Amino acid sequence: MKTWLVAVSCCITMAAVLAYRQGADEGYQTARVVPFEKLASNAQHMADSGGYKISMRLGDTVYACRTSGPAAAFIDWTTGKEFPAKVSAKVLLVKNPNGQVVELNIVGKKTAK
């Protein structure tokens, strides 16, 4: 009986530790996509093609961001969708559902109403 009790308590402790480790995402908070817009390709400036204009609300702050990248990285992004994100200098780091981290360049921010 004593061995069974020790084994069960060890299993419960291990499950709690694993759950805690999965929930601790190195300072990431939930951010919501406010507007999301794919920018039109610019024939004169090919460096500007394939970009995205994204605003994300993190807490009481709305960050206006720009980024570029493959369409596959932004396939699930729609207005109102939530992702784990954190601010790092002038960059907003956002985790996609597949675990990939996308860097959004912050071009402005304002306090939400």
PDB file of N, CA and C in Angstrom:
ATOM      1  N   MET A   1       0.830  -1.195   0.000  1.00  0.00           N
ATOM      2  CA  MET A   1       0.000   0.000   0.000  1.00  0.00           C
ATOM      3  C   MET A   1       0.872   1.255   0.000  1.00  0.00           C
ATOM      4  N   LYS A   2       1.954   1.206   0.803  1.00  0.00           N
ATOM      5  CA  LYS A   2       2.840   2.358   0.890  1.00  0.00           C
ATOM      6  C   LYS A   2       3.542   2.605  -0.450  1.00  0.00           C
ATOM      7  N   THR A   3       3.975   1.560  -1.112  1.00  0.00           N
ATOM      8  CA  THR A   3       4.644   1.681  -2.404  1.00  0.00           C
ATOM      9  C   THR A   3       3.688   2.258  -3.447  1.00  0.00           C
ATOM     10  N   TRP A   4       2.451   1.826  -3.428  1.00  0.00           N
ATOM     11  CA  TRP A   4       1.455   2.330  -4.365  1.00  0.00           C
ATOM     12  C   TRP A   4       1.223   3.816  -4.153  1.00  0.00           C
ATOM     13  N   LEU A   5       1.142   4.247  -2.911  1.00  0.00           N
ATOM     14  CA  LEU A   5       0.922   5.655  -2.586  1.00  0.00           C
ATOM     15  C   LEU A   5       2.096   6.511  -3.053  1.00  0.00           C
ATOM     16  N   VAL A   6       3.318   6.033  -2.880  1.00  0.00           N
ATOM     17  CA  VAL A   6       4.506   6.755  -3.328  1.00  0.00           C
ATOM     18  C   VAL A   6       4.515   6.852  -4.854  1.00  0.00           C
ATOM     19  N   ALA A   7       4.174   5.778  -5.532  1.00  0.00           N
ATOM     20  CA  ALA A   7       4.151   5.772  -6.993  1.00  0.00           C
ATOM     21  C   ALA A   7       3.109   6.749  -7.533  1.00  0.00           C
ATOM     22  N   VAL A   8       1.944   6.766  -6.935  1.00  0.00           N
ATOM     23  CA  VAL A   8       0.886   7.682  -7.378  1.00  0.00           C
ATOM     24  C   VAL A   8       1.287   9.135  -7.125  1.00  0.00           C
ATOM     25  N   SER A   9       1.869   9.420  -5.982  1.00  0.00           N
ATOM     26  CA  SER A   9       2.277  10.800  -5.687  1.00  0.00           C
ATOM     27  C   SER A   9       3.398  11.249  -6.623  1.00  0.00           C
ATOM     28  N   CYS A  10       4.304  10.338  -6.998  1.00  0.00           N
ATOM     29  CA  CYS A  10       5.350  10.681  -7.962  1.00  0.00           C
ATOM     30  C   CYS A  10       4.750  11.005  -9.332  1.00  0.00           C
ATOM     31  N   CYS A  11       3.770  10.225  -9.756  1.00  0.00           N
ATOM     32  CA  CYS A  11       3.112  10.476 -11.045  1.00  0.00           C
ATOM     33  C   CYS A  11       2.389  11.821 -11.050  1.00  0.00           C
ATOM     34  N   ILE A  12       1.718  12.126  -9.968  1.00  0.00           N
ATOM     35  CA  ILE A  12       1.003  13.407  -9.868  1.00  0.00           C
ATOM     36  C   ILE A  12       1.992  14.563  -9.897  1.00  0.00           C
ATOM     37  N   THR A  13       3.108  14.430  -9.183  1.00  0.00           N
ATOM     38  CA  THR A  13       4.131  15.475  -9.161  1.00  0.00           C
ATOM     39  C   THR A  13       4.725  15.680 -10.545  1.00  0.00           C
ATOM     40  N   MET A  14       5.019  14.593 -11.248  1.00  0.00           N
ATOM     41  CA  MET A  14       5.586  14.706 -12.598  1.00  0.00           C
ATOM     42  C   MET A  14       4.598  15.358 -13.561  1.00  0.00           C
ATOM     43  N   ALA A  15       3.329  15.029 -13.458  1.00  0.00           N
ATOM     44  CA  ALA A  15       2.313  15.635 -14.319  1.00  0.00           C
ATOM     45  C   ALA A  15       2.195  17.136 -14.052  1.00  0.00           C
ATOM     46  N   ALA A  16       2.262  17.516 -12.782  1.00  0.00           N
ATOM     47  CA  ALA A  16       2.180  18.938 -12.439  1.00  0.00           C
ATOM     48  C   ALA A  16       3.389  19.701 -12.957  1.00  0.00           C
ATOM     49  N   VAL A  17       4.570  19.123 -12.854  1.00  0.00           N
ATOM     50  CA  VAL A  17       5.782  19.779 -13.348  1.00  0.00           C
ATOM     51  C   VAL A  17       5.727  19.932 -14.862  1.00  0.00           C
ATOM     52  N   LEU A  18       5.296  18.912 -15.571  1.00  0.00           N
ATOM     53  CA  LEU A  18       5.181  19.005 -17.030  1.00  0.00           C
ATOM     54  C   LEU A  18       4.160  20.049 -17.450  1.00  0.00           C
ATOM     55  N   ALA A  19       3.042  20.116 -16.773  1.00  0.00           N
ATOM     56  CA  ALA A  19       2.016  21.113 -17.096  1.00  0.00           C
ATOM     57  C   ALA A  19       2.545  22.527 -16.852  1.00  0.00           C
ATOM     58  N   TYR A  20       3.281  22.700 -15.777  1.00  0.00           N
ATOM     59  CA  TYR A  20       3.853  24.017 -15.471  1.00  0.00           C
ATOM     60  C   TYR A  20       4.868  24.417 -16.533  1.00  0.00           C
ATOM     61  N   ARG A  21       5.718  23.501 -16.953  1.00  0.00           N
ATOM     62  CA  ARG A  21       6.756  23.789 -17.938  1.00  0.00           C
ATOM     63  C   ARG A  21       6.150  24.153 -19.289  1.00  0.00           C
ATOM     64  N   GLN A  22       5.048  23.523 -19.660  1.00  0.00           N
ATOM     65  CA  GLN A  22       4.413  23.836 -20.931  1.00  0.00           C
ATOM     66  C   GLN A  22       3.730  25.193 -20.894  1.00  0.00           C
ATOM     67  N   GLY A  23       3.224  25.590 -19.739  1.00  0.00           N
ATOM     68  CA  GLY A  23       2.535  26.867 -19.618  1.00  0.00           C
ATOM     69  C   GLY A  23       3.468  28.053 -19.540  1.00  0.00           C
ATOM     70  N   ALA A  24       4.698  27.840 -19.113  1.00  0.00           N
ATOM     71  CA  ALA A  24       5.666  28.923 -18.975  1.00  0.00           C
ATOM     72  C   ALA A  24       6.365  29.126 -20.311  1.00  0.00           C
ATOM     73  N   ASP A  25       5.913  30.093 -21.103  1.00  0.00           N
ATOM     74  CA  ASP A  25       6.450  30.339 -22.437  1.00  0.00           C
ATOM     75  C   ASP A  25       7.416  31.517 -22.457  1.00  0.00           C
ATOM     76  N   GLU A  26       8.379  31.521 -21.606  1.00  0.00           N
ATOM     77  CA  GLU A  26       9.440  32.534 -21.566  1.00  0.00           C
ATOM     78  C   GLU A  26       8.931  33.966 -21.726  1.00  0.00           C
ATOM     79  N   GLY A  27       7.940  34.359 -20.985  1.00  0.00           N
ATOM     80  CA  GLY A  27       7.459  35.736 -21.015  1.00  0.00           C
ATOM     81  C   GLY A  27       6.447  36.042 -22.101  1.00  0.00           C
ATOM     82  N   TYR A  28       5.962  35.063 -22.806  1.00  0.00           N
ATOM     83  CA  TYR A  28       4.963  35.303 -23.850  1.00  0.00           C
ATOM     84  C   TYR A  28       3.601  35.559 -23.206  1.00  0.00           C
ATOM     85  N   GLN A  29       2.861  36.497 -23.799  1.00  0.00           N
ATOM     86  CA  GLN A  29       1.502  36.814 -23.380  1.00  0.00           C
ATOM     87  C   GLN A  29       0.585  36.628 -24.582  1.00  0.00           C
ATOM     88  N   THR A  30      -0.703  36.563 -24.321  1.00  0.00           N
ATOM     89  CA  THR A  30      -1.658  36.419 -25.416  1.00  0.00           C
ATOM     90  C   THR A  30      -1.853  37.764 -26.111  1.00  0.00           C
ATOM     91  N   ALA A  31      -1.672  37.753 -27.430  1.00  0.00           N
ATOM     92  CA  ALA A  31      -1.879  38.948 -28.250  1.00  0.00           C
ATOM     93  C   ALA A  31      -2.950  38.636 -29.281  1.00  0.00           C
ATOM     94  N   ARG A  32      -3.767  39.623 -29.588  1.00  0.00           N
ATOM     95  CA  ARG A  32      -4.871  39.450 -30.552  1.00  0.00           C
ATOM     96  C   ARG A  32      -4.588  40.275 -31.806  1.00  0.00           C
ATOM     97  N   VAL A  33      -4.798  39.650 -32.959  1.00  0.00           N
ATOM     98  CA  VAL A  33      -4.649  40.360 -34.226  1.00  0.00           C
ATOM     99  C   VAL A  33      -5.818  41.330 -34.353  1.00  0.00           C
ATOM    100  N   VAL A  34      -5.506  42.609 -34.556  1.00  0.00           N
ATOM    101  CA  VAL A  34      -6.570  43.604 -34.711  1.00  0.00           C
ATOM    102  C   VAL A  34      -6.887  43.691 -36.207  1.00  0.00           C
ATOM    103  N   PRO A  35      -6.208  44.503 -37.025  1.00  0.00           N
ATOM    104  CA  PRO A  35      -6.364  44.328 -38.467  1.00  0.00           C
ATOM    105  C   PRO A  35      -5.147  43.609 -39.043  1.00  0.00           C
ATOM    106  N   PHE A  36      -5.376  42.869 -40.122  1.00  0.00           N
ATOM    107  CA  PHE A  36      -4.338  42.119 -40.813  1.00  0.00           C
ATOM    108  C   PHE A  36      -4.531  42.372 -42.303  1.00  0.00           C
ATOM    109  N   GLU A  37      -3.458  42.809 -42.976  1.00  0.00           N
ATOM    110  CA  GLU A  37      -3.613  43.181 -44.379  1.00  0.00           C
ATOM    111  C   GLU A  37      -2.360  42.779 -45.162  1.00  0.00           C
ATOM    112  N   LYS A  38      -2.559  42.128 -46.304  1.00  0.00           N
ATOM    113  CA  LYS A  38      -1.446  41.807 -47.198  1.00  0.00           C
ATOM    114  C   LYS A  38      -1.249  43.008 -48.103  1.00  0.00           C
ATOM    115  N   LEU A  39      -0.010  43.501 -48.161  1.00  0.00           N
ATOM    116  CA  LEU A  39       0.294  44.656 -48.994  1.00  0.00           C
ATOM    117  C   LEU A  39       0.440  44.231 -50.447  1.00  0.00           C
ATOM    118  N   ALA A  40       0.021  45.109 -51.342  1.00  0.00           N
ATOM    119  CA  ALA A  40       0.139  44.832 -52.772  1.00  0.00           C
ATOM    120  C   ALA A  40       1.605  44.863 -53.182  1.00  0.00           C
ATOM    121  N   SER A  41       1.940  44.067 -54.161  1.00  0.00           N
ATOM    122  CA  SER A  41       3.310  44.051 -54.681  1.00  0.00           C
ATOM    123  C   SER A  41       3.611  45.374 -55.365  1.00  0.00           C
ATOM    124  N   ASN A  42       4.828  45.861 -55.201  1.00  0.00           N
ATOM    125  CA  ASN A  42       5.255  47.123 -55.788  1.00  0.00           C
ATOM    126  C   ASN A  42       6.238  46.820 -56.909  1.00  0.00           C
ATOM    127  N   ALA A  43       5.865  47.082 -58.149  1.00  0.00           N
ATOM    128  CA  ALA A  43       6.716  46.765 -59.302  1.00  0.00           C
ATOM    129  C   ALA A  43       7.978  47.618 -59.324  1.00  0.00           C
ATOM    130  N   GLN A  44       7.913  48.836 -58.787  1.00  0.00           N
ATOM    131  CA  GLN A  44       9.076  49.716 -58.785  1.00  0.00           C
ATOM    132  C   GLN A  44      10.083  49.333 -57.701  1.00  0.00           C
ATOM    133  N   HIS A  45       9.586  48.826 -56.579  1.00  0.00           N
ATOM    134  CA  HIS A  45      10.450  48.450 -55.459  1.00  0.00           C
ATOM    135  C   HIS A  45      10.172  46.992 -55.111  1.00  0.00           C
ATOM    136  N   MET A  46      10.914  46.096 -55.728  1.00  0.00           N
ATOM    137  CA  MET A  46      10.671  44.664 -55.524  1.00  0.00           C
ATOM    138  C   MET A  46      10.930  44.242 -54.077  1.00  0.00           C
ATOM    139  N   ALA A  47      11.689  45.010 -53.314  1.00  0.00           N
ATOM    140  CA  ALA A  47      11.946  44.667 -51.915  1.00  0.00           C
ATOM    141  C   ALA A  47      10.682  44.808 -51.075  1.00  0.00           C
ATOM    142  N   ASP A  48       9.720  45.602 -51.556  1.00  0.00           N
ATOM    143  CA  ASP A  48       8.483  45.828 -50.808  1.00  0.00           C
ATOM    144  C   ASP A  48       7.404  44.789 -51.129  1.00  0.00           C
ATOM    145  N   SER A  49       7.678  43.848 -52.029  1.00  0.00           N
ATOM    146  CA  SER A  49       6.639  42.895 -52.423  1.00  0.00           C
ATOM    147  C   SER A  49       6.487  41.806 -51.370  1.00  0.00           C
ATOM    148  N   GLY A  50       5.266  41.304 -51.237  1.00  0.00           N
ATOM    149  CA  GLY A  50       4.999  40.203 -50.319  1.00  0.00           C
ATOM    150  C   GLY A  50       4.984  40.590 -48.863  1.00  0.00           C
ATOM    151  N   GLY A  51       4.735  41.835 -48.552  1.00  0.00           N
ATOM    152  CA  GLY A  51       4.735  42.281 -47.164  1.00  0.00           C
ATOM    153  C   GLY A  51       3.361  42.227 -46.535  1.00  0.00           C
ATOM    154  N   TYR A  52       3.353  42.369 -45.216  1.00  0.00           N
ATOM    155  CA  TYR A  52       2.106  42.360 -44.450  1.00  0.00           C
ATOM    156  C   TYR A  52       2.103  43.537 -43.493  1.00  0.00           C
ATOM    157  N   LYS A  53       0.926  44.108 -43.306  1.00  0.00           N
ATOM    158  CA  LYS A  53       0.705  45.181 -42.345  1.00  0.00           C
ATOM    159  C   LYS A  53      -0.212  44.593 -41.282  1.00  0.00           C
ATOM    160  N   ILE A  54       0.309  44.470 -40.052  1.00  0.00           N
ATOM    161  CA  ILE A  54      -0.414  43.780 -38.995  1.00  0.00           C
ATOM    162  C   ILE A  54      -0.431  44.658 -37.745  1.00  0.00           C
ATOM    163  N   SER A  55      -1.591  44.764 -37.112  1.00  0.00           N
ATOM    164  CA  SER A  55      -1.681  45.408 -35.806  1.00  0.00           C
ATOM    165  C   SER A  55      -2.080  44.349 -34.798  1.00  0.00           C
ATOM    166  N   MET A  56      -1.384  44.348 -33.665  1.00  0.00           N
ATOM    167  CA  MET A  56      -1.659  43.351 -32.631  1.00  0.00           C
ATOM    168  C   MET A  56      -1.848  44.050 -31.297  1.00  0.00           C
ATOM    169  N   ARG A  57      -2.849  43.585 -30.553  1.00  0.00           N
ATOM    170  CA  ARG A  57      -3.131  44.135 -29.230  1.00  0.00           C
ATOM    171  C   ARG A  57      -2.540  43.207 -28.186  1.00  0.00           C
ATOM    172  N   LEU A  58      -1.627  43.747 -27.400  1.00  0.00           N
ATOM    173  CA  LEU A  58      -0.968  43.013 -26.328  1.00  0.00           C
ATOM    174  C   LEU A  58      -1.225  43.795 -25.048  1.00  0.00           C
ATOM    175  N   GLY A  59      -2.119  43.282 -24.211  1.00  0.00           N
ATOM    176  CA  GLY A  59      -2.509  44.018 -23.012  1.00  0.00           C
ATOM    177  C   GLY A  59      -3.322  45.239 -23.410  1.00  0.00           C
ATOM    178  N   ASP A  60      -2.904  46.415 -22.945  1.00  0.00           N
ATOM    179  CA  ASP A  60      -3.594  47.666 -23.266  1.00  0.00           C
ATOM    180  C   ASP A  60      -2.913  48.438 -24.388  1.00  0.00           C
ATOM    181  N   THR A  61      -1.988  47.823 -25.091  1.00  0.00           N
ATOM    182  CA  THR A  61      -1.240  48.489 -26.142  1.00  0.00           C
ATOM    183  C   THR A  61      -1.493  47.811 -27.485  1.00  0.00           C
ATOM    184  N   VAL A  62      -1.695  48.631 -28.520  1.00  0.00           N
ATOM    185  CA  VAL A  62      -1.842  48.136 -29.887  1.00  0.00           C
ATOM    186  C   VAL A  62      -0.553  48.471 -30.627  1.00  0.00           C
ATOM    187  N   TYR A  63       0.116  47.460 -31.160  1.00  0.00           N
ATOM    188  CA  TYR A  63       1.362  47.620 -31.898  1.00  0.00           C
ATOM    189  C   TYR A  63       1.083  47.541 -33.387  1.00  0.00           C
ATOM    190  N   ALA A  64       1.485  48.578 -34.127  1.00  0.00           N
ATOM    191  CA  ALA A  64       1.400  48.570 -35.584  1.00  0.00           C
ATOM    192  C   ALA A  64       2.704  47.986 -36.088  1.00  0.00           C
ATOM    193  N   CYS A  65       2.616  46.929 -36.886  1.00  0.00           N
ATOM    194  CA  CYS A  65       3.815  46.205 -37.325  1.00  0.00           C
ATOM    195  C   CYS A  65       3.804  45.990 -38.828  1.00  0.00           C
ATOM    196  N   ARG A  66       4.992  45.768 -39.360  1.00  0.00           N
ATOM    197  CA  ARG A  66       5.164  45.373 -40.759  1.00  0.00           C
ATOM    198  C   ARG A  66       6.123  44.196 -40.789  1.00  0.00           C
ATOM    199  N   THR A  67       5.909  43.318 -41.735  1.00  0.00           N
ATOM    200  CA  THR A  67       6.786  42.171 -41.895  1.00  0.00           C
ATOM    201  C   THR A  67       6.642  41.627 -43.294  1.00  0.00           C
ATOM    202  N   SER A  68       7.532  40.752 -43.643  1.00  0.00           N
ATOM    203  CA  SER A  68       7.427  40.037 -44.906  1.00  0.00           C
ATOM    204  C   SER A  68       7.792  38.589 -44.632  1.00  0.00           C
ATOM    205  N   GLY A  69       7.394  37.736 -45.517  1.00  0.00           N
ATOM    206  CA  GLY A  69       7.688  36.325 -45.330  1.00  0.00           C
ATOM    207  C   GLY A  69       6.786  35.480 -46.200  1.00  0.00           C
ATOM    208  N   PRO A  70       6.990  34.186 -46.145  1.00  0.00           N
ATOM    209  CA  PRO A  70       6.166  33.293 -46.973  1.00  0.00           C
ATOM    210  C   PRO A  70       4.717  33.279 -46.500  1.00  0.00           C
ATOM    211  N   ALA A  71       3.822  33.082 -47.433  1.00  0.00           N
ATOM    212  CA  ALA A  71       2.392  33.057 -47.109  1.00  0.00           C
ATOM    213  C   ALA A  71       2.056  31.938 -46.130  1.00  0.00           C
ATOM    214  N   ALA A  72       2.830  30.859 -46.141  1.00  0.00           N
ATOM    215  CA  ALA A  72       2.569  29.735 -45.240  1.00  0.00           C
ATOM    216  C   ALA A  72       2.701  30.138 -43.775  1.00  0.00           C
ATOM    217  N   ALA A  73       3.541  31.116 -43.480  1.00  0.00           N
ATOM    218  CA  ALA A  73       3.718  31.565 -42.093  1.00  0.00           C
ATOM    219  C   ALA A  73       2.495  32.317 -41.584  1.00  0.00           C
ATOM    220  N   PHE A  74       1.698  32.876 -42.496  1.00  0.00           N
ATOM    221  CA  PHE A  74       0.558  33.704 -42.102  1.00  0.00           C
ATOM    222  C   PHE A  74      -0.781  33.104 -42.542  1.00  0.00           C
ATOM    223  N   ILE A  75      -0.800  31.837 -42.863  1.00  0.00           N
ATOM    224  CA  ILE A  75      -2.004  31.193 -43.390  1.00  0.00           C
ATOM    225  C   ILE A  75      -3.167  31.220 -42.400  1.00  0.00           C
ATOM    226  N   ASP A  76      -2.899  31.087 -41.103  1.00  0.00           N
ATOM    227  CA  ASP A  76      -3.962  31.040 -40.092  1.00  0.00           C
ATOM    228  C   ASP A  76      -4.267  32.401 -39.484  1.00  0.00           C
ATOM    229  N   TRP A  77      -3.641  33.457 -39.952  1.00  0.00           N
ATOM    230  CA  TRP A  77      -3.799  34.770 -39.340  1.00  0.00           C
ATOM    231  C   TRP A  77      -5.047  35.466 -39.863  1.00  0.00           C
ATOM    232  N   THR A  78      -5.943  35.796 -38.946  1.00  0.00           N
ATOM    233  CA  THR A  78      -7.140  36.555 -39.279  1.00  0.00           C
ATOM    234  C   THR A  78      -7.418  37.531 -38.141  1.00  0.00           C
ATOM    235  N   THR A  79      -8.223  38.513 -38.395  1.00  0.00           N
ATOM    236  CA  THR A  79      -8.595  39.477 -37.370  1.00  0.00           C
ATOM    237  C   THR A  79      -9.316  38.758 -36.231  1.00  0.00           C
ATOM    238  N   GLY A  80      -8.878  39.012 -35.008  1.00  0.00           N
ATOM    239  CA  GLY A  80      -9.481  38.406 -33.830  1.00  0.00           C
ATOM    240  C   GLY A  80      -8.770  37.160 -33.344  1.00  0.00           C
ATOM    241  N   LYS A  81      -7.882  36.601 -34.131  1.00  0.00           N
ATOM    242  CA  LYS A  81      -7.141  35.388 -33.738  1.00  0.00           C
ATOM    243  C   LYS A  81      -6.090  35.758 -32.690  1.00  0.00           C
ATOM    244  N   GLU A  82      -5.867  34.858 -31.733  1.00  0.00           N
ATOM    245  CA  GLU A  82      -4.915  35.108 -30.653  1.00  0.00           C
ATOM    246  C   GLU A  82      -3.690  34.217 -30.787  1.00  0.00           C
ATOM    247  N   PHE A  83      -2.524  34.804 -30.486  1.00  0.00           N
ATOM    248  CA  PHE A  83      -1.251  34.103 -30.536  1.00  0.00           C
ATOM    249  C   PHE A  83      -0.406  34.503 -29.331  1.00  0.00           C
ATOM    250  N   PRO A  84       0.494  33.630 -28.865  1.00  0.00           N
ATOM    251  CA  PRO A  84       1.448  34.025 -27.834  1.00  0.00           C
ATOM    252  C   PRO A  84       2.455  35.002 -28.447  1.00  0.00           C
ATOM    253  N   ALA A  85       2.743  36.111 -27.749  1.00  0.00           N
ATOM    254  CA  ALA A  85       3.664  37.119 -28.279  1.00  0.00           C
ATOM    255  C   ALA A  85       4.394  37.808 -27.137  1.00  0.00           C
ATOM    256  N   LYS A  86       5.542  38.389 -27.473  1.00  0.00           N
ATOM    257  CA  LYS A  86       6.275  39.213 -26.514  1.00  0.00           C
ATOM    258  C   LYS A  86       7.041  40.275 -27.271  1.00  0.00           C
ATOM    259  N   VAL A  87       7.278  41.412 -26.592  1.00  0.00           N
ATOM    260  CA  VAL A  87       7.999  42.533 -27.176  1.00  0.00           C
ATOM    261  C   VAL A  87       9.476  42.383 -26.837  1.00  0.00           C
ATOM    262  N   SER A  88      10.313  42.565 -27.850  1.00  0.00           N
ATOM    263  CA  SER A  88      11.758  42.510 -27.676  1.00  0.00           C
ATOM    264  C   SER A  88      12.353  43.665 -28.474  1.00  0.00           C
ATOM    265  N   ALA A  89      12.695  44.767 -27.789  1.00  0.00           N
ATOM    266  CA  ALA A  89      13.213  45.992 -28.415  1.00  0.00           C
ATOM    267  C   ALA A  89      12.179  46.540 -29.400  1.00  0.00           C
ATOM    268  N   LYS A  90      12.491  46.621 -30.680  1.00  0.00           N
ATOM    269  CA  LYS A  90      11.571  47.156 -31.699  1.00  0.00           C
ATOM    270  C   LYS A  90      10.924  46.038 -32.507  1.00  0.00           C
ATOM    271  N   VAL A  91      10.858  44.832 -31.911  1.00  0.00           N
ATOM    272  CA  VAL A  91      10.320  43.674 -32.604  1.00  0.00           C
ATOM    273  C   VAL A  91       9.283  42.995 -31.723  1.00  0.00           C
ATOM    274  N   LEU A  92       8.193  42.557 -32.337  1.00  0.00           N
ATOM    275  CA  LEU A  92       7.178  41.762 -31.655  1.00  0.00           C
ATOM    276  C   LEU A  92       7.369  40.317 -32.112  1.00  0.00           C
ATOM    277  N   LEU A  93       7.703  39.450 -31.172  1.00  0.00           N
ATOM    278  CA  LEU A  93       7.915  38.037 -31.483  1.00  0.00           C
ATOM    279  C   LEU A  93       6.609  37.295 -31.257  1.00  0.00           C
ATOM    280  N   VAL A  94       6.098  36.641 -32.294  1.00  0.00           N
ATOM    281  CA  VAL A  94       4.808  35.960 -32.244  1.00  0.00           C
ATOM    282  C   VAL A  94       5.008  34.496 -32.606  1.00  0.00           C
ATOM    283  N   LYS A  95       4.422  33.599 -31.791  1.00  0.00           N
ATOM    284  CA  LYS A  95       4.505  32.163 -32.066  1.00  0.00           C
ATOM    285  C   LYS A  95       3.293  31.716 -32.867  1.00  0.00           C
ATOM    286  N   ASN A  96       3.560  31.072 -33.996  1.00  0.00           N
ATOM    287  CA  ASN A  96       2.502  30.453 -34.801  1.00  0.00           C
ATOM    288  C   ASN A  96       2.042  29.172 -34.120  1.00  0.00           C
ATOM    289  N   PRO A  97       0.891  28.639 -34.499  1.00  0.00           N
ATOM    290  CA  PRO A  97       0.431  27.375 -33.902  1.00  0.00           C
ATOM    291  C   PRO A  97       1.408  26.212 -34.094  1.00  0.00           C
ATOM    292  N   ASN A  98       2.237  26.263 -35.143  1.00  0.00           N
ATOM    293  CA  ASN A  98       3.200  25.194 -35.373  1.00  0.00           C
ATOM    294  C   ASN A  98       4.501  25.387 -34.585  1.00  0.00           C
ATOM    295  N   GLY A  99       4.577  26.444 -33.767  1.00  0.00           N
ATOM    296  CA  GLY A  99       5.749  26.688 -32.930  1.00  0.00           C
ATOM    297  C   GLY A  99       6.773  27.617 -33.550  1.00  0.00           C
ATOM    298  N   GLN A 100       6.602  27.978 -34.810  1.00  0.00           N
ATOM    299  CA  GLN A 100       7.524  28.893 -35.480  1.00  0.00           C
ATOM    300  C   GLN A 100       7.358  30.301 -34.917  1.00  0.00           C
ATOM    301  N   VAL A 101       8.479  30.998 -34.663  1.00  0.00           N
ATOM    302  CA  VAL A 101       8.428  32.369 -34.164  1.00  0.00           C
ATOM    303  C   VAL A 101       8.565  33.322 -35.342  1.00  0.00           C
ATOM    304  N   VAL A 102       7.601  34.239 -35.470  1.00  0.00           N
ATOM    305  CA  VAL A 102       7.585  35.235 -36.537  1.00  0.00           C
ATOM    306  C   VAL A 102       7.962  36.578 -35.926  1.00  0.00           C
ATOM    307  N   GLU A 103       8.882  37.283 -36.569  1.00  0.00           N
ATOM    308  CA  GLU A 103       9.303  38.598 -36.097  1.00  0.00           C
ATOM    309  C   GLU A 103       8.541  39.681 -36.841  1.00  0.00           C
ATOM    310  N   LEU A 104       7.829  40.529 -36.086  1.00  0.00           N
ATOM    311  CA  LEU A 104       7.111  41.655 -36.665  1.00  0.00           C
ATOM    312  C   LEU A 104       7.834  42.924 -36.253  1.00  0.00           C
ATOM    313  N   ASN A 105       8.213  43.747 -37.221  1.00  0.00           N
ATOM    314  CA  ASN A 105       8.892  45.014 -36.934  1.00  0.00           C
ATOM    315  C   ASN A 105       7.873  46.046 -36.476  1.00  0.00           C
ATOM    316  N   ILE A 106       8.065  46.591 -35.276  1.00  0.00           N
ATOM    317  CA  ILE A 106       7.132  47.570 -34.718  1.00  0.00           C
ATOM    318  C   ILE A 106       7.409  48.931 -35.340  1.00  0.00           C
ATOM    319  N   VAL A 107       6.379  49.519 -35.975  1.00  0.00           N
ATOM    320  CA  VAL A 107       6.522  50.839 -36.579  1.00  0.00           C
ATOM    321  C   VAL A 107       5.768  51.906 -35.789  1.00  0.00           C
ATOM    322  N   GLY A 108       4.966  51.490 -34.832  1.00  0.00           N
ATOM    323  CA  GLY A 108       4.225  52.419 -33.994  1.00  0.00           C
ATOM    324  C   GLY A 108       3.444  51.686 -32.936  1.00  0.00           C
ATOM    325  N   LYS A 109       3.045  52.429 -31.899  1.00  0.00           N
ATOM    326  CA  LYS A 109       2.210  51.819 -30.862  1.00  0.00           C
ATOM    327  C   LYS A 109       1.348  52.888 -30.244  1.00  0.00           C
ATOM    328  N   LYS A 110       0.197  52.452 -29.723  1.00  0.00           N
ATOM    329  CA  LYS A 110      -0.701  53.373 -29.041  1.00  0.00           C
ATOM    330  C   LYS A 110      -1.461  52.608 -27.974  1.00  0.00           C
ATOM    331  N   THR A 111      -1.967  53.321 -26.995  1.00  0.00           N
ATOM    332  CA  THR A 111      -2.740  52.724 -25.925  1.00  0.00           C
ATOM    333  C   THR A 111      -4.152  52.498 -26.420  1.00  0.00           C
ATOM    334  N   ALA A 112      -4.666  51.305 -26.180  1.00  0.00           N
ATOM    335  CA  ALA A 112      -6.025  50.954 -26.611  1.00  0.00           C
ATOM    336  C   ALA A 112      -7.042  51.697 -25.771  1.00  0.00           C
ATOM    337  N   LYS A 113      -8.205  51.960 -26.366  1.00  0.00           N
ATOM    338  CA  LYS A 113      -9.278  52.672 -25.671  1.00  0.00           C
ATOM    339  C   LYS A 113     -10.102  51.727 -24.846  1.00  0.00           C
TER     340      LYS A 113
END
